[in-house]
Amino acid sequence: MKQTIMQSATLSFIIFCFLIGFAACEKNENTLNKDKNLLSAKGQQKDISKTFKARLKTSFCAYSIVQIQDSAFYSYGMDWTDSQGNTYKHVFSVKNYCDFDTANLKVDETFDCKIVEKATVENCIVCFGFMETPPLLHNINVVK
């Protein structure tokens, strides 16, 4: 009898884990579909074919904060204050850090870029460091 109860509890736990995993995958799929809409911080549709000026504000490991320099594209960034009280205007985080890293940009360097739907390089080696960044993320290609 005790063994039957244990088997039943184990089976119930396995089913529970499967359902939680399935729900998490479903939520993740919905998040991916939202990314395809490519909305700016202000909810406007992005014209990803245009190039704009930007500046690398700071970067560490896989984390980079980019500031938009072209006023016509300010809506694709956000005003953000980090936990130390530093305020940044018209910024976003780089989502495709593997692609971005190949541009070899230095902090405070100005560059031309455009927002793209997908990253070209999916996997790369990065350090395990962490840096606080704005919650707004974009995939970008650097155009030198």
N, C-alpha and C. Protein backbone atom coordinates (compact mmCIF):
# COMPACT_ATOMS: atom_id res chain seq x y z
N MET A 1 0.83 -1.19 0.00
CA MET A 1 0.00 0.00 0.00
C MET A 1 0.88 1.26 0.00
N LYS A 2 1.92 1.26 0.87
CA LYS A 2 2.81 2.41 0.96
C LYS A 2 3.55 2.62 -0.36
N GLN A 3 3.94 1.57 -1.02
CA GLN A 3 4.64 1.67 -2.30
C GLN A 3 3.72 2.24 -3.38
N THR A 4 2.45 1.87 -3.37
CA THR A 4 1.48 2.39 -4.34
C THR A 4 1.28 3.89 -4.15
N ILE A 5 1.22 4.33 -2.91
CA ILE A 5 1.07 5.77 -2.62
C ILE A 5 2.30 6.52 -3.11
N MET A 6 3.49 5.98 -2.90
CA MET A 6 4.74 6.61 -3.35
C MET A 6 4.77 6.71 -4.87
N GLN A 7 4.37 5.65 -5.55
CA GLN A 7 4.36 5.65 -7.01
C GLN A 7 3.35 6.68 -7.53
N SER A 8 2.20 6.76 -6.88
CA SER A 8 1.18 7.73 -7.27
C SER A 8 1.68 9.16 -7.06
N ALA A 9 2.35 9.41 -5.94
CA ALA A 9 2.89 10.74 -5.65
C ALA A 9 3.98 11.10 -6.66
N THR A 10 4.83 10.14 -7.01
CA THR A 10 5.90 10.36 -7.97
C THR A 10 5.31 10.67 -9.34
N LEU A 11 4.32 9.91 -9.75
CA LEU A 11 3.67 10.14 -11.04
C LEU A 11 3.01 11.52 -11.07
N SER A 12 2.35 11.88 -9.99
CA SER A 12 1.71 13.19 -9.91
C SER A 12 2.75 14.31 -10.02
N PHE A 13 3.90 14.13 -9.36
CA PHE A 13 4.97 15.12 -9.41
C PHE A 13 5.51 15.25 -10.83
N ILE A 14 5.71 14.14 -11.52
CA ILE A 14 6.22 14.17 -12.89
C ILE A 14 5.24 14.89 -13.81
N ILE A 15 3.96 14.59 -13.66
CA ILE A 15 2.94 15.25 -14.48
C ILE A 15 2.92 16.75 -14.19
N PHE A 16 3.03 17.12 -12.91
CA PHE A 16 3.06 18.52 -12.52
C PHE A 16 4.25 19.25 -13.17
N CYS A 17 5.44 18.63 -13.11
CA CYS A 17 6.64 19.23 -13.71
C CYS A 17 6.48 19.39 -15.22
N PHE A 18 5.89 18.39 -15.87
CA PHE A 18 5.66 18.46 -17.31
C PHE A 18 4.73 19.63 -17.65
N LEU A 19 3.66 19.77 -16.89
CA LEU A 19 2.71 20.86 -17.15
C LEU A 19 3.34 22.23 -16.93
N ILE A 20 4.14 22.37 -15.88
CA ILE A 20 4.84 23.63 -15.63
C ILE A 20 5.81 23.92 -16.77
N GLY A 21 6.56 22.92 -17.20
CA GLY A 21 7.49 23.10 -18.32
C GLY A 21 6.77 23.47 -19.59
N PHE A 22 5.65 22.84 -19.85
CA PHE A 22 4.86 23.15 -21.04
C PHE A 22 4.34 24.58 -20.99
N ALA A 23 3.86 25.00 -19.84
CA ALA A 23 3.36 26.37 -19.69
C ALA A 23 4.48 27.38 -19.88
N ALA A 24 5.66 27.08 -19.37
CA ALA A 24 6.81 27.98 -19.53
C ALA A 24 7.20 28.09 -21.00
N CYS A 25 7.19 26.99 -21.72
CA CYS A 25 7.51 27.02 -23.15
C CYS A 25 6.47 27.81 -23.92
N GLU A 26 5.22 27.66 -23.57
CA GLU A 26 4.14 28.39 -24.23
C GLU A 26 4.31 29.89 -23.99
N LYS A 27 4.65 30.28 -22.76
CA LYS A 27 4.86 31.69 -22.45
C LYS A 27 6.05 32.22 -23.23
N ASN A 28 7.14 31.45 -23.32
CA ASN A 28 8.32 31.84 -24.05
C ASN A 28 8.00 32.04 -25.53
N GLU A 29 7.18 31.16 -26.11
CA GLU A 29 6.78 31.29 -27.50
C GLU A 29 6.01 32.59 -27.72
N ASN A 30 5.14 32.95 -26.78
CA ASN A 30 4.40 34.20 -26.89
C ASN A 30 5.35 35.39 -26.84
N THR A 31 6.37 35.33 -26.00
CA THR A 31 7.36 36.40 -25.91
C THR A 31 8.10 36.55 -27.23
N LEU A 32 8.48 35.41 -27.86
CA LEU A 32 9.17 35.47 -29.14
C LEU A 32 8.29 36.10 -30.21
N ASN A 33 7.02 35.80 -30.21
CA ASN A 33 6.11 36.39 -31.18
C ASN A 33 5.98 37.88 -30.99
N LYS A 34 6.04 38.38 -29.76
CA LYS A 34 5.99 39.82 -29.50
C LYS A 34 7.19 40.50 -30.12
N ASP A 35 8.39 39.86 -30.03
CA ASP A 35 9.60 40.45 -30.59
C ASP A 35 9.47 40.68 -32.09
N LYS A 36 8.72 39.83 -32.79
CA LYS A 36 8.59 39.95 -34.23
C LYS A 36 7.84 41.22 -34.63
N ASN A 37 7.05 41.78 -33.72
CA ASN A 37 6.32 43.00 -34.04
C ASN A 37 7.23 44.21 -34.11
N LEU A 38 8.39 44.16 -33.47
CA LEU A 38 9.38 45.22 -33.49
C LEU A 38 8.78 46.59 -33.20
N LEU A 39 8.27 46.75 -32.01
CA LEU A 39 7.72 48.03 -31.59
C LEU A 39 8.78 48.84 -30.86
N SER A 40 8.71 50.13 -31.01
CA SER A 40 9.63 51.00 -30.28
C SER A 40 9.16 51.12 -28.83
N ALA A 41 9.93 51.83 -28.01
CA ALA A 41 9.57 52.02 -26.60
C ALA A 41 8.24 52.75 -26.48
N LYS A 42 7.90 53.55 -27.46
CA LYS A 42 6.64 54.29 -27.43
C LYS A 42 5.52 53.55 -28.15
N GLY A 43 5.73 52.30 -28.55
CA GLY A 43 4.70 51.49 -29.16
C GLY A 43 4.52 51.72 -30.65
N GLN A 44 5.44 52.42 -31.30
CA GLN A 44 5.33 52.67 -32.74
C GLN A 44 6.03 51.56 -33.50
N GLN A 45 5.57 51.29 -34.71
CA GLN A 45 6.21 50.28 -35.56
C GLN A 45 7.58 50.82 -35.99
N LYS A 46 8.60 50.00 -35.94
CA LYS A 46 9.94 50.42 -36.32
C LYS A 46 10.14 50.30 -37.82
N ASP A 47 10.86 51.26 -38.38
CA ASP A 47 11.33 51.14 -39.75
C ASP A 47 12.77 50.67 -39.64
N ILE A 48 12.97 49.37 -39.74
CA ILE A 48 14.30 48.82 -39.49
C ILE A 48 15.23 48.94 -40.68
N SER A 49 14.79 49.56 -41.75
CA SER A 49 15.66 49.69 -42.93
C SER A 49 16.56 50.91 -42.84
N LYS A 50 16.30 51.81 -41.90
CA LYS A 50 17.05 53.07 -41.82
C LYS A 50 18.22 52.96 -40.84
N THR A 51 19.28 53.66 -41.19
CA THR A 51 20.49 53.71 -40.37
C THR A 51 20.45 54.98 -39.52
N PHE A 52 20.95 54.86 -38.27
CA PHE A 52 21.00 56.02 -37.39
C PHE A 52 22.31 56.05 -36.62
N LYS A 53 22.65 57.23 -36.10
CA LYS A 53 23.87 57.42 -35.30
C LYS A 53 23.62 57.01 -33.86
N ALA A 54 24.61 56.34 -33.29
CA ALA A 54 24.51 55.92 -31.89
C ALA A 54 25.90 56.02 -31.26
N ARG A 55 25.91 55.94 -29.93
CA ARG A 55 27.17 55.98 -29.17
C ARG A 55 27.16 54.86 -28.15
N LEU A 56 28.27 54.17 -28.03
CA LEU A 56 28.42 53.14 -27.01
C LEU A 56 28.71 53.84 -25.69
N LYS A 57 27.75 53.81 -24.77
CA LYS A 57 27.91 54.49 -23.48
C LYS A 57 28.78 53.69 -22.53
N THR A 58 28.51 52.39 -22.44
CA THR A 58 29.30 51.53 -21.56
C THR A 58 29.12 50.09 -22.00
N SER A 59 30.10 49.26 -21.68
CA SER A 59 30.05 47.87 -22.10
C SER A 59 30.88 47.02 -21.15
N PHE A 60 30.36 45.83 -20.86
CA PHE A 60 31.08 44.88 -20.02
C PHE A 60 30.56 43.48 -20.34
N CYS A 61 31.46 42.60 -20.73
CA CYS A 61 31.12 41.22 -21.10
C CYS A 61 30.04 41.23 -22.18
N ALA A 62 28.89 40.66 -21.91
CA ALA A 62 27.81 40.58 -22.91
C ALA A 62 26.80 41.72 -22.75
N TYR A 63 27.13 42.74 -21.98
CA TYR A 63 26.20 43.82 -21.69
C TYR A 63 26.73 45.13 -22.28
N SER A 64 25.89 45.78 -23.08
CA SER A 64 26.26 47.07 -23.67
C SER A 64 25.06 48.00 -23.63
N ILE A 65 25.34 49.26 -23.31
CA ILE A 65 24.31 50.29 -23.34
C ILE A 65 24.65 51.22 -24.49
N VAL A 66 23.68 51.37 -25.39
CA VAL A 66 23.84 52.21 -26.58
C VAL A 66 22.90 53.40 -26.45
N GLN A 67 23.43 54.59 -26.74
CA GLN A 67 22.63 55.81 -26.71
C GLN A 67 22.40 56.28 -28.14
N ILE A 68 21.15 56.55 -28.47
CA ILE A 68 20.78 57.02 -29.80
C ILE A 68 21.16 58.49 -29.92
N GLN A 69 21.89 58.84 -30.97
CA GLN A 69 22.34 60.21 -31.19
C GLN A 69 21.46 60.97 -32.19
N ASP A 70 20.71 60.26 -32.99
CA ASP A 70 19.86 60.84 -34.03
C ASP A 70 18.46 61.08 -33.46
N SER A 71 18.06 62.36 -33.37
CA SER A 71 16.78 62.70 -32.73
C SER A 71 15.57 62.07 -33.43
N ALA A 72 15.67 61.76 -34.70
CA ALA A 72 14.56 61.12 -35.41
C ALA A 72 14.31 59.70 -34.91
N PHE A 73 15.28 59.13 -34.19
CA PHE A 73 15.17 57.75 -33.70
C PHE A 73 15.08 57.66 -32.17
N TYR A 74 14.94 58.79 -31.49
CA TYR A 74 14.86 58.78 -30.03
C TYR A 74 13.77 57.85 -29.51
N SER A 75 12.69 57.69 -30.24
CA SER A 75 11.58 56.86 -29.76
C SER A 75 11.95 55.38 -29.65
N TYR A 76 13.07 54.99 -30.24
CA TYR A 76 13.51 53.59 -30.15
C TYR A 76 14.36 53.34 -28.90
N GLY A 77 14.59 54.38 -28.14
CA GLY A 77 15.32 54.27 -26.88
C GLY A 77 14.41 54.63 -25.72
N MET A 78 14.99 54.68 -24.54
CA MET A 78 14.22 55.04 -23.35
C MET A 78 15.12 55.86 -22.43
N ASP A 79 14.51 56.65 -21.57
CA ASP A 79 15.26 57.31 -20.52
C ASP A 79 15.31 56.34 -19.35
N TRP A 80 16.49 56.12 -18.82
CA TRP A 80 16.68 55.07 -17.81
C TRP A 80 17.66 55.54 -16.75
N THR A 81 17.37 55.19 -15.50
CA THR A 81 18.26 55.48 -14.38
C THR A 81 18.65 54.17 -13.73
N ASP A 82 19.96 53.97 -13.56
CA ASP A 82 20.42 52.73 -12.93
C ASP A 82 20.32 52.83 -11.41
N SER A 83 20.67 51.76 -10.74
CA SER A 83 20.53 51.70 -9.28
C SER A 83 21.49 52.65 -8.55
N GLN A 84 22.51 53.15 -9.23
CA GLN A 84 23.46 54.09 -8.64
C GLN A 84 23.03 55.54 -8.83
N GLY A 85 21.91 55.74 -9.55
CA GLY A 85 21.41 57.09 -9.78
C GLY A 85 21.90 57.74 -11.06
N ASN A 86 22.66 57.01 -11.88
CA ASN A 86 23.12 57.54 -13.17
C ASN A 86 21.96 57.51 -14.16
N THR A 87 21.69 58.65 -14.80
CA THR A 87 20.58 58.75 -15.74
C THR A 87 21.12 58.75 -17.17
N TYR A 88 20.47 57.98 -18.01
CA TYR A 88 20.81 57.87 -19.42
C TYR A 88 19.58 58.23 -20.25
N LYS A 89 19.77 59.00 -21.30
CA LYS A 89 18.66 59.40 -22.18
C LYS A 89 18.77 58.67 -23.51
N HIS A 90 17.64 58.21 -24.02
CA HIS A 90 17.53 57.60 -25.34
C HIS A 90 18.46 56.39 -25.49
N VAL A 91 18.39 55.46 -24.55
CA VAL A 91 19.29 54.31 -24.55
C VAL A 91 18.52 53.00 -24.69
N PHE A 92 19.26 51.97 -25.05
CA PHE A 92 18.75 50.60 -25.07
C PHE A 92 19.92 49.65 -24.84
N SER A 93 19.60 48.42 -24.55
CA SER A 93 20.61 47.38 -24.39
C SER A 93 20.73 46.60 -25.68
N VAL A 94 21.92 46.13 -25.95
CA VAL A 94 22.16 45.33 -27.15
C VAL A 94 21.76 43.89 -26.87
N LYS A 95 20.83 43.40 -27.67
CA LYS A 95 20.34 42.03 -27.50
C LYS A 95 21.28 41.02 -28.18
N ASN A 96 21.78 41.35 -29.35
CA ASN A 96 22.65 40.44 -30.10
C ASN A 96 24.12 40.75 -29.82
N TYR A 97 24.52 40.51 -28.57
CA TYR A 97 25.87 40.87 -28.14
C TYR A 97 26.96 40.13 -28.90
N CYS A 98 26.67 38.94 -29.43
CA CYS A 98 27.69 38.21 -30.21
C CYS A 98 28.02 38.97 -31.50
N ASP A 99 27.00 39.44 -32.21
CA ASP A 99 27.21 40.25 -33.42
C ASP A 99 27.88 41.57 -33.07
N PHE A 100 27.36 42.22 -32.04
CA PHE A 100 27.82 43.55 -31.66
C PHE A 100 29.29 43.54 -31.26
N ASP A 101 29.71 42.50 -30.59
CA ASP A 101 31.09 42.41 -30.11
C ASP A 101 32.10 42.40 -31.26
N THR A 102 31.70 41.88 -32.41
CA THR A 102 32.63 41.81 -33.55
C THR A 102 32.96 43.18 -34.13
N ALA A 103 32.18 44.21 -33.79
CA ALA A 103 32.45 45.57 -34.28
C ALA A 103 33.64 46.20 -33.55
N ASN A 104 34.05 45.63 -32.40
CA ASN A 104 35.21 46.12 -31.63
C ASN A 104 35.12 47.62 -31.34
N LEU A 105 33.97 48.07 -30.88
CA LEU A 105 33.78 49.48 -30.54
C LEU A 105 34.34 49.78 -29.15
N LYS A 106 34.78 51.00 -28.97
CA LYS A 106 35.28 51.48 -27.68
C LYS A 106 34.20 52.33 -27.02
N VAL A 107 34.23 52.40 -25.69
CA VAL A 107 33.28 53.22 -24.96
C VAL A 107 33.39 54.67 -25.43
N ASP A 108 32.25 55.32 -25.62
CA ASP A 108 32.10 56.68 -26.13
C ASP A 108 32.33 56.81 -27.64
N GLU A 109 32.56 55.71 -28.33
CA GLU A 109 32.70 55.76 -29.78
C GLU A 109 31.33 55.92 -30.43
N THR A 110 31.25 56.80 -31.44
CA THR A 110 30.02 57.00 -32.20
C THR A 110 30.08 56.12 -33.44
N PHE A 111 28.94 55.56 -33.81
CA PHE A 111 28.88 54.65 -34.95
C PHE A 111 27.50 54.71 -35.59
N ASP A 112 27.40 54.23 -36.81
CA ASP A 112 26.12 54.10 -37.49
C ASP A 112 25.64 52.68 -37.33
N CYS A 113 24.33 52.52 -37.14
CA CYS A 113 23.77 51.18 -36.99
C CYS A 113 22.33 51.17 -37.46
N LYS A 114 21.78 49.98 -37.55
CA LYS A 114 20.36 49.84 -37.84
C LYS A 114 19.82 48.66 -37.05
N ILE A 115 18.56 48.75 -36.71
CA ILE A 115 17.90 47.69 -35.96
C ILE A 115 17.55 46.56 -36.92
N VAL A 116 17.82 45.35 -36.50
CA VAL A 116 17.54 44.17 -37.32
C VAL A 116 16.64 43.22 -36.53
N GLU A 117 15.95 42.35 -37.25
CA GLU A 117 15.03 41.41 -36.61
C GLU A 117 15.76 40.30 -35.87
N LYS A 118 16.81 39.76 -36.49
CA LYS A 118 17.48 38.58 -35.92
C LYS A 118 18.98 38.81 -35.81
N ALA A 119 19.56 38.10 -34.86
CA ALA A 119 21.01 38.10 -34.72
C ALA A 119 21.60 37.21 -35.80
N THR A 120 22.79 37.58 -36.30
CA THR A 120 23.49 36.75 -37.28
C THR A 120 24.24 35.63 -36.58
N VAL A 121 24.96 35.99 -35.52
CA VAL A 121 25.74 35.03 -34.74
C VAL A 121 24.91 34.67 -33.51
N GLU A 122 24.62 33.40 -33.34
CA GLU A 122 23.77 32.96 -32.23
C GLU A 122 24.56 32.65 -30.96
N ASN A 123 25.77 32.12 -31.11
CA ASN A 123 26.55 31.69 -29.95
C ASN A 123 27.96 32.26 -30.02
N CYS A 124 28.44 32.69 -28.87
CA CYS A 124 29.81 33.17 -28.77
C CYS A 124 30.27 33.01 -27.33
N ILE A 125 31.54 33.16 -27.12
CA ILE A 125 32.10 33.04 -25.78
C ILE A 125 32.07 34.41 -25.11
N VAL A 126 31.53 34.46 -23.90
CA VAL A 126 31.50 35.70 -23.13
C VAL A 126 31.91 35.38 -21.68
N CYS A 127 32.35 36.41 -20.98
CA CYS A 127 32.69 36.22 -19.58
C CYS A 127 31.41 36.15 -18.75
N PHE A 128 31.53 35.77 -17.50
CA PHE A 128 30.37 35.64 -16.63
C PHE A 128 30.07 36.89 -15.82
N GLY A 129 30.62 38.02 -16.23
CA GLY A 129 30.37 39.27 -15.53
C GLY A 129 28.95 39.76 -15.75
N PHE A 130 28.53 40.70 -14.92
CA PHE A 130 27.19 41.27 -15.02
C PHE A 130 27.27 42.79 -14.94
N MET A 131 26.41 43.44 -15.71
CA MET A 131 26.28 44.89 -15.65
C MET A 131 24.80 45.22 -15.77
N GLU A 132 24.34 46.13 -14.98
CA GLU A 132 22.95 46.57 -15.04
C GLU A 132 22.71 47.33 -16.35
N THR A 133 21.64 46.98 -17.05
CA THR A 133 21.32 47.61 -18.33
C THR A 133 19.83 47.93 -18.42
N PRO A 134 19.46 48.82 -19.34
CA PRO A 134 18.04 49.14 -19.51
C PRO A 134 17.26 47.90 -19.97
N PRO A 135 15.98 47.83 -19.63
CA PRO A 135 15.19 46.67 -20.02
C PRO A 135 14.82 46.63 -21.50
N LEU A 136 14.98 47.74 -22.21
CA LEU A 136 14.67 47.79 -23.64
C LEU A 136 15.85 47.20 -24.42
N LEU A 137 15.59 46.17 -25.22
CA LEU A 137 16.64 45.47 -25.97
C LEU A 137 16.37 45.56 -27.47
N HIS A 138 17.46 45.73 -28.24
CA HIS A 138 17.36 45.69 -29.71
C HIS A 138 18.51 44.86 -30.27
N ASN A 139 18.24 44.15 -31.35
CA ASN A 139 19.29 43.56 -32.19
C ASN A 139 19.72 44.67 -33.13
N ILE A 140 21.02 44.91 -33.21
CA ILE A 140 21.50 45.95 -34.13
C ILE A 140 22.69 45.44 -34.94
N ASN A 141 22.84 46.00 -36.13
CA ASN A 141 24.01 45.79 -36.95
C ASN A 141 24.77 47.10 -37.03
N VAL A 142 26.06 47.05 -36.79
CA VAL A 142 26.91 48.23 -36.88
C VAL A 142 27.32 48.40 -38.33
N VAL A 143 27.14 49.63 -38.84
CA VAL A 143 27.52 49.97 -40.21
C VAL A 143 28.64 50.99 -40.11
N LYS A 144 29.84 50.60 -40.44
CA LYS A 144 30.98 51.52 -40.28
C LYS A 144 31.23 52.31 -41.52
